[in-house]
Amino acid sequence: MLFNFQTFIADLRENQEKKEVVEKFEKFFWPIVGEPKEQNWYKEYTSTFKSVAYKVPDELKDDFDRPFLMELVSSSFSSDWLIESIEWEEFPEFVISVQSWDQVVVKKVSELRGFQILRLYEIYIEEQMNLQVLIAEDEKEKEAIMAQRDARSHRWNIVLDNIDKQVLEKQDAEERWEKLDDLMWQL
């Protein structure tokens, strides 16, 4: 079930409604070759969203690039996210929410199926390609997009800082319990 970027690009080229995405991107930049992490939208923006380990379905844990999915989701303008930390769990839940008009859909990545994860890759990569084209086409759009990118990046870094604090607090608490346990055995 591993995502194949070049197959996705070929499918976009063949789709009458979507082929313009690839054509415009290549007009402003260069032919799309290689992997998604080699593309300018990834290098310049999406890669700045560092990831943390999170829950995934056991049967899919080796089937997709979890850090890449988190980078795509967290850098997206079309979704929102939450890292739901459960105090005694090994990994937090990564929750994605999407609003369409008056309806909001919220899903935990740990509850998704393989085809749903593949579709997320497609949605978020297409979004990043479109944003990159808008940046190249229009200076006002560029300013608005760059401001939104900065805001999302800042918010993401705050979340990561909070996770780091929680991890350190948990490690500190575990060390205190171990020391207390050692003291009890010495009595």
C-alpha atoms as a PDB file:
ATOM      1  CA  MET A   1       0.000   0.000   0.000  1.00  0.00           C
ATOM      2  CA  LEU A   2       2.971   2.316  -0.128  1.00  0.00           C
ATOM      3  CA  PHE A   3       2.205   5.603  -1.839  1.00  0.00           C
ATOM      4  CA  ASN A   4       3.625   5.930  -5.350  1.00  0.00           C
ATOM      5  CA  PHE A   5       4.139   9.616  -6.121  1.00  0.00           C
ATOM      6  CA  GLN A   6       4.865   9.173  -9.829  1.00  0.00           C
ATOM      7  CA  THR A   7       1.726   7.061 -10.321  1.00  0.00           C
ATOM      8  CA  PHE A   8      -0.259   9.794  -8.582  1.00  0.00           C
ATOM      9  CA  ILE A   9       1.236  12.459 -10.892  1.00  0.00           C
ATOM     10  CA  ALA A  10       0.463  10.280 -13.935  1.00  0.00           C
ATOM     11  CA  ASP A  11      -3.138   9.907 -12.729  1.00  0.00           C
ATOM     12  CA  LEU A  12      -3.424  13.690 -12.362  1.00  0.00           C
ATOM     13  CA  ARG A  13      -2.108  14.152 -15.921  1.00  0.00           C
ATOM     14  CA  GLU A  14      -4.800  11.806 -17.264  1.00  0.00           C
ATOM     15  CA  ASN A  15      -7.664  13.365 -15.304  1.00  0.00           C
ATOM     16  CA  GLN A  16      -9.338  16.131 -17.358  1.00  0.00           C
ATOM     17  CA  GLU A  17     -10.345  18.004 -14.192  1.00  0.00           C
ATOM     18  CA  LYS A  18      -6.952  17.713 -12.487  1.00  0.00           C
ATOM     19  CA  LYS A  19      -4.335  17.810 -15.224  1.00  0.00           C
ATOM     20  CA  GLU A  20      -4.093  21.600 -14.944  1.00  0.00           C
ATOM     21  CA  VAL A  21      -2.507  21.146 -11.489  1.00  0.00           C
ATOM     22  CA  VAL A  22       0.502  19.390 -13.006  1.00  0.00           C
ATOM     23  CA  GLU A  23       0.645  21.608 -16.098  1.00  0.00           C
ATOM     24  CA  LYS A  24       0.696  24.848 -14.091  1.00  0.00           C
ATOM     25  CA  PHE A  25       3.213  23.497 -11.610  1.00  0.00           C
ATOM     26  CA  GLU A  26       5.572  22.426 -14.370  1.00  0.00           C
ATOM     27  CA  LYS A  27       5.079  25.748 -16.184  1.00  0.00           C
ATOM     28  CA  PHE A  28       6.322  27.715 -13.175  1.00  0.00           C
ATOM     29  CA  PHE A  29       8.923  25.264 -11.912  1.00  0.00           C
ATOM     30  CA  TRP A  30      10.149  22.148 -13.671  1.00  0.00           C
ATOM     31  CA  PRO A  31       8.992  18.686 -14.710  1.00  0.00           C
ATOM     32  CA  ILE A  32       7.815  16.670 -11.739  1.00  0.00           C
ATOM     33  CA  VAL A  33      10.285  13.843 -11.280  1.00  0.00           C
ATOM     34  CA  GLY A  34      11.540  11.966  -8.261  1.00  0.00           C
ATOM     35  CA  GLU A  35       9.811  11.660  -4.943  1.00  0.00           C
ATOM     36  CA  PRO A  36       7.578  14.130  -3.098  1.00  0.00           C
ATOM     37  CA  LYS A  37      10.335  15.014  -0.635  1.00  0.00           C
ATOM     38  CA  GLU A  38      12.433  16.223  -3.594  1.00  0.00           C
ATOM     39  CA  GLN A  39       9.817  18.813  -4.633  1.00  0.00           C
ATOM     40  CA  ASN A  40      10.189  22.516  -3.842  1.00  0.00           C
ATOM     41  CA  TRP A  41       6.908  22.719  -1.911  1.00  0.00           C
ATOM     42  CA  TYR A  42       8.203  20.016   0.418  1.00  0.00           C
ATOM     43  CA  LYS A  43      11.731  21.362   0.827  1.00  0.00           C
ATOM     44  CA  GLU A  44      10.632  24.977   1.363  1.00  0.00           C
ATOM     45  CA  TYR A  45       7.633  24.428   3.608  1.00  0.00           C
ATOM     46  CA  THR A  46       6.239  20.999   4.440  1.00  0.00           C
ATOM     47  CA  SER A  47       9.585  19.649   5.666  1.00  0.00           C
ATOM     48  CA  THR A  48       9.678  22.325   8.374  1.00  0.00           C
ATOM     49  CA  PHE A  49       6.829  20.554  10.200  1.00  0.00           C
ATOM     50  CA  LYS A  50       8.671  18.022  12.303  1.00  0.00           C
ATOM     51  CA  SER A  51       6.789  14.944  13.378  1.00  0.00           C
ATOM     52  CA  VAL A  52       6.333  12.897  16.516  1.00  0.00           C
ATOM     53  CA  ALA A  53       5.435   9.245  16.877  1.00  0.00           C
ATOM     54  CA  TYR A  54       1.695   8.602  16.982  1.00  0.00           C
ATOM     55  CA  LYS A  55      -0.744   5.690  17.010  1.00  0.00           C
ATOM     56  CA  VAL A  56      -1.449   3.881  13.775  1.00  0.00           C
ATOM     57  CA  PRO A  57      -3.293   0.648  13.051  1.00  0.00           C
ATOM     58  CA  ASP A  58      -0.951  -2.291  13.706  1.00  0.00           C
ATOM     59  CA  GLU A  59      -1.621  -3.770  10.268  1.00  0.00           C
ATOM     60  CA  LEU A  60      -0.507  -0.513   8.594  1.00  0.00           C
ATOM     61  CA  LYS A  61       2.482   0.508  10.706  1.00  0.00           C
ATOM     62  CA  ASP A  62       4.995  -0.531   8.031  1.00  0.00           C
ATOM     63  CA  ASP A  63       2.856   0.457   5.026  1.00  0.00           C
ATOM     64  CA  PHE A  64       3.232   4.226   4.965  1.00  0.00           C
ATOM     65  CA  ASP A  65       5.601   7.000   5.917  1.00  0.00           C
ATOM     66  CA  ARG A  66       4.040   8.198   9.182  1.00  0.00           C
ATOM     67  CA  PRO A  67       6.301  11.234   9.631  1.00  0.00           C
ATOM     68  CA  PHE A  68       5.567  12.338   6.058  1.00  0.00           C
ATOM     69  CA  LEU A  69       1.817  12.036   6.608  1.00  0.00           C
ATOM     70  CA  MET A  70       2.072  14.158   9.754  1.00  0.00           C
ATOM     71  CA  GLU A  71       4.118  16.772   7.886  1.00  0.00           C
ATOM     72  CA  LEU A  72       1.508  16.902   5.118  1.00  0.00           C
ATOM     73  CA  VAL A  73      -1.450  17.176   7.475  1.00  0.00           C
ATOM     74  CA  SER A  74       0.116  19.706   9.815  1.00  0.00           C
ATOM     75  CA  SER A  75       1.238  21.946   6.941  1.00  0.00           C
ATOM     76  CA  SER A  76      -2.148  21.816   5.199  1.00  0.00           C
ATOM     77  CA  PHE A  77      -4.477  24.812   5.024  1.00  0.00           C
ATOM     78  CA  SER A  78      -7.495  22.586   4.385  1.00  0.00           C
ATOM     79  CA  SER A  79      -7.415  20.598   7.606  1.00  0.00           C
ATOM     80  CA  ASP A  80      -6.894  21.055  11.255  1.00  0.00           C
ATOM     81  CA  TRP A  81      -5.249  18.633  13.632  1.00  0.00           C
ATOM     82  CA  LEU A  82      -4.829  17.710  17.231  1.00  0.00           C
ATOM     83  CA  ILE A  83      -2.307  15.558  19.002  1.00  0.00           C
ATOM     84  CA  GLU A  84      -4.353  13.925  21.696  1.00  0.00           C
ATOM     85  CA  SER A  85      -2.081  12.845  24.496  1.00  0.00           C
ATOM     86  CA  ILE A  86      -3.362  10.157  26.788  1.00  0.00           C
ATOM     87  CA  GLU A  87      -1.332  10.200  29.950  1.00  0.00           C
ATOM     88  CA  TRP A  88      -0.377   6.524  30.196  1.00  0.00           C
ATOM     89  CA  GLU A  89      -0.379   5.626  26.511  1.00  0.00           C
ATOM     90  CA  GLU A  90       2.896   5.019  24.702  1.00  0.00           C
ATOM     91  CA  PHE A  91       1.913   7.125  21.672  1.00  0.00           C
ATOM     92  CA  PRO A  92      -0.615   9.930  21.317  1.00  0.00           C
ATOM     93  CA  GLU A  93      -3.496   9.943  18.867  1.00  0.00           C
ATOM     94  CA  PHE A  94      -3.088  12.113  15.774  1.00  0.00           C
ATOM     95  CA  VAL A  95      -6.527  13.525  15.012  1.00  0.00           C
ATOM     96  CA  ILE A  96      -7.430  15.178  11.712  1.00  0.00           C
ATOM     97  CA  SER A  97     -10.470  17.367  11.184  1.00  0.00           C
ATOM     98  CA  VAL A  98     -11.802  18.700   7.908  1.00  0.00           C
ATOM     99  CA  GLN A  99     -14.627  21.188   7.563  1.00  0.00           C
ATOM    100  CA  SER A 100     -16.758  21.306   4.444  1.00  0.00           C
ATOM    101  CA  TRP A 101     -19.396  24.007   4.584  1.00  0.00           C
ATOM    102  CA  ASP A 102     -21.314  23.296   7.793  1.00  0.00           C
ATOM    103  CA  GLN A 103     -20.092  19.736   8.290  1.00  0.00           C
ATOM    104  CA  VAL A 104     -16.958  18.764  10.219  1.00  0.00           C
ATOM    105  CA  VAL A 105     -15.387  15.317   9.889  1.00  0.00           C
ATOM    106  CA  VAL A 106     -12.976  14.246  12.628  1.00  0.00           C
ATOM    107  CA  LYS A 107     -10.880  11.081  12.351  1.00  0.00           C
ATOM    108  CA  LYS A 108      -8.068   9.531  14.325  1.00  0.00           C
ATOM    109  CA  VAL A 109      -5.266   8.269  12.089  1.00  0.00           C
ATOM    110  CA  SER A 110      -5.237   5.076  14.178  1.00  0.00           C
ATOM    111  CA  GLU A 111      -8.767   4.350  12.913  1.00  0.00           C
ATOM    112  CA  LEU A 112      -8.097   4.911   9.208  1.00  0.00           C
ATOM    113  CA  ARG A 113      -7.833   2.235   6.543  1.00  0.00           C
ATOM    114  CA  GLY A 114      -5.047   2.020   3.988  1.00  0.00           C
ATOM    115  CA  PHE A 115      -7.061   3.499   1.114  1.00  0.00           C
ATOM    116  CA  GLN A 116      -8.020   6.467   3.316  1.00  0.00           C
ATOM    117  CA  ILE A 117      -4.387   7.176   4.140  1.00  0.00           C
ATOM    118  CA  LEU A 118      -3.458   6.988   0.455  1.00  0.00           C
ATOM    119  CA  ARG A 119      -6.218   9.474  -0.316  1.00  0.00           C
ATOM    120  CA  LEU A 120      -4.867  11.841   2.337  1.00  0.00           C
ATOM    121  CA  TYR A 121      -1.461  11.792   0.630  1.00  0.00           C
ATOM    122  CA  GLU A 122      -3.124  12.708  -2.662  1.00  0.00           C
ATOM    123  CA  ILE A 123      -5.254  15.508  -1.201  1.00  0.00           C
ATOM    124  CA  TYR A 124      -2.421  17.161   0.695  1.00  0.00           C
ATOM    125  CA  ILE A 125       0.180  16.867  -2.060  1.00  0.00           C
ATOM    126  CA  GLU A 126      -2.224  18.341  -4.610  1.00  0.00           C
ATOM    127  CA  GLU A 127      -2.974  21.176  -2.175  1.00  0.00           C
ATOM    128  CA  GLN A 128       0.732  21.964  -1.720  1.00  0.00           C
ATOM    129  CA  MET A 129       1.301  21.954  -5.479  1.00  0.00           C
ATOM    130  CA  ASN A 130      -1.626  24.351  -5.984  1.00  0.00           C
ATOM    131  CA  LEU A 131      -0.348  26.673  -3.263  1.00  0.00           C
ATOM    132  CA  GLN A 132       3.112  26.704  -4.827  1.00  0.00           C
ATOM    133  CA  VAL A 133       1.562  27.732  -8.154  1.00  0.00           C
ATOM    134  CA  LEU A 134      -0.465  30.509  -6.490  1.00  0.00           C
ATOM    135  CA  ILE A 135       2.721  31.823  -4.887  1.00  0.00           C
ATOM    136  CA  ALA A 136       4.378  31.947  -8.303  1.00  0.00           C
ATOM    137  CA  GLU A 137       1.364  33.499 -10.078  1.00  0.00           C
ATOM    138  CA  ASP A 138       0.312  36.337  -7.818  1.00  0.00           C
ATOM    139  CA  GLU A 139       2.269  38.544  -5.402  1.00  0.00           C
ATOM    140  CA  LYS A 140      -0.780  39.283  -3.222  1.00  0.00           C
ATOM    141  CA  GLU A 141      -1.607  35.577  -3.002  1.00  0.00           C
ATOM    142  CA  LYS A 142       2.029  34.928  -2.161  1.00  0.00           C
ATOM    143  CA  GLU A 143       1.888  37.355   0.768  1.00  0.00           C
ATOM    144  CA  ALA A 144      -1.333  35.826   2.108  1.00  0.00           C
ATOM    145  CA  ILE A 145      -0.068  32.269   1.708  1.00  0.00           C
ATOM    146  CA  MET A 146       3.271  33.058   3.334  1.00  0.00           C
ATOM    147  CA  ALA A 147       1.488  34.682   6.295  1.00  0.00           C
ATOM    148  CA  GLN A 148      -0.755  31.628   6.670  1.00  0.00           C
ATOM    149  CA  ARG A 149       2.256  29.326   6.433  1.00  0.00           C
ATOM    150  CA  ASP A 150       4.053  31.281   9.152  1.00  0.00           C
ATOM    151  CA  ALA A 151       0.990  31.113  11.406  1.00  0.00           C
ATOM    152  CA  ARG A 152       0.574  27.347  10.921  1.00  0.00           C
ATOM    153  CA  SER A 153       4.270  26.742  11.479  1.00  0.00           C
ATOM    154  CA  HIS A 154       4.255  28.828  14.655  1.00  0.00           C
ATOM    155  CA  ARG A 155       1.206  26.966  15.989  1.00  0.00           C
ATOM    156  CA  TRP A 156       2.774  23.597  15.155  1.00  0.00           C
ATOM    157  CA  ASN A 157       5.976  24.506  16.991  1.00  0.00           C
ATOM    158  CA  ILE A 158       3.973  25.445  20.085  1.00  0.00           C
ATOM    159  CA  VAL A 159       2.279  22.032  19.978  1.00  0.00           C
ATOM    160  CA  LEU A 160       5.631  20.266  19.619  1.00  0.00           C
ATOM    161  CA  ASP A 161       7.092  22.259  22.519  1.00  0.00           C
ATOM    162  CA  ASN A 162       4.151  21.187  24.691  1.00  0.00           C
ATOM    163  CA  ILE A 163       4.643  17.559  23.696  1.00  0.00           C
ATOM    164  CA  ASP A 164       8.336  17.813  24.573  1.00  0.00           C
ATOM    165  CA  LYS A 165       7.398  19.195  28.004  1.00  0.00           C
ATOM    166  CA  GLN A 166       4.891  16.381  28.562  1.00  0.00           C
ATOM    167  CA  VAL A 167       7.480  13.752  27.605  1.00  0.00           C
ATOM    168  CA  LEU A 168      10.055  15.275  29.954  1.00  0.00           C
ATOM    169  CA  GLU A 169       7.505  15.480  32.770  1.00  0.00           C
ATOM    170  CA  LYS A 170       6.520  11.853  32.217  1.00  0.00           C
ATOM    171  CA  GLN A 171      10.170  10.745  32.198  1.00  0.00           C
ATOM    172  CA  ASP A 172      10.820  12.782  35.343  1.00  0.00           C
ATOM    173  CA  ALA A 173       7.805  11.220  37.086  1.00  0.00           C
ATOM    174  CA  GLU A 174       8.929   7.718  36.084  1.00  0.00           C
ATOM    175  CA  GLU A 175      12.422   8.402  37.448  1.00  0.00           C
ATOM    176  CA  ARG A 176      10.947   9.649  40.740  1.00  0.00           C
ATOM    177  CA  TRP A 177       8.827   6.490  41.025  1.00  0.00           C
ATOM    178  CA  GLU A 178      11.885   4.338  40.349  1.00  0.00           C
ATOM    179  CA  LYS A 179      13.872   6.162  43.030  1.00  0.00           C
ATOM    180  CA  LEU A 180      11.004   5.837  45.485  1.00  0.00           C
ATOM    181  CA  ASP A 181      10.739   2.141  44.659  1.00  0.00           C
ATOM    182  CA  ASP A 182      14.501   1.738  45.256  1.00  0.00           C
ATOM    183  CA  LEU A 183      14.206   3.520  48.596  1.00  0.00           C
ATOM    184  CA  MET A 184      11.316   1.272  49.635  1.00  0.00           C
ATOM    185  CA  TRP A 185      13.410  -1.832  48.869  1.00  0.00           C
ATOM    186  CA  GLN A 186      16.273  -0.460  50.973  1.00  0.00           C
ATOM    187  CA  LEU A 187      14.032  -0.146  54.042  1.00  0.00           C
END
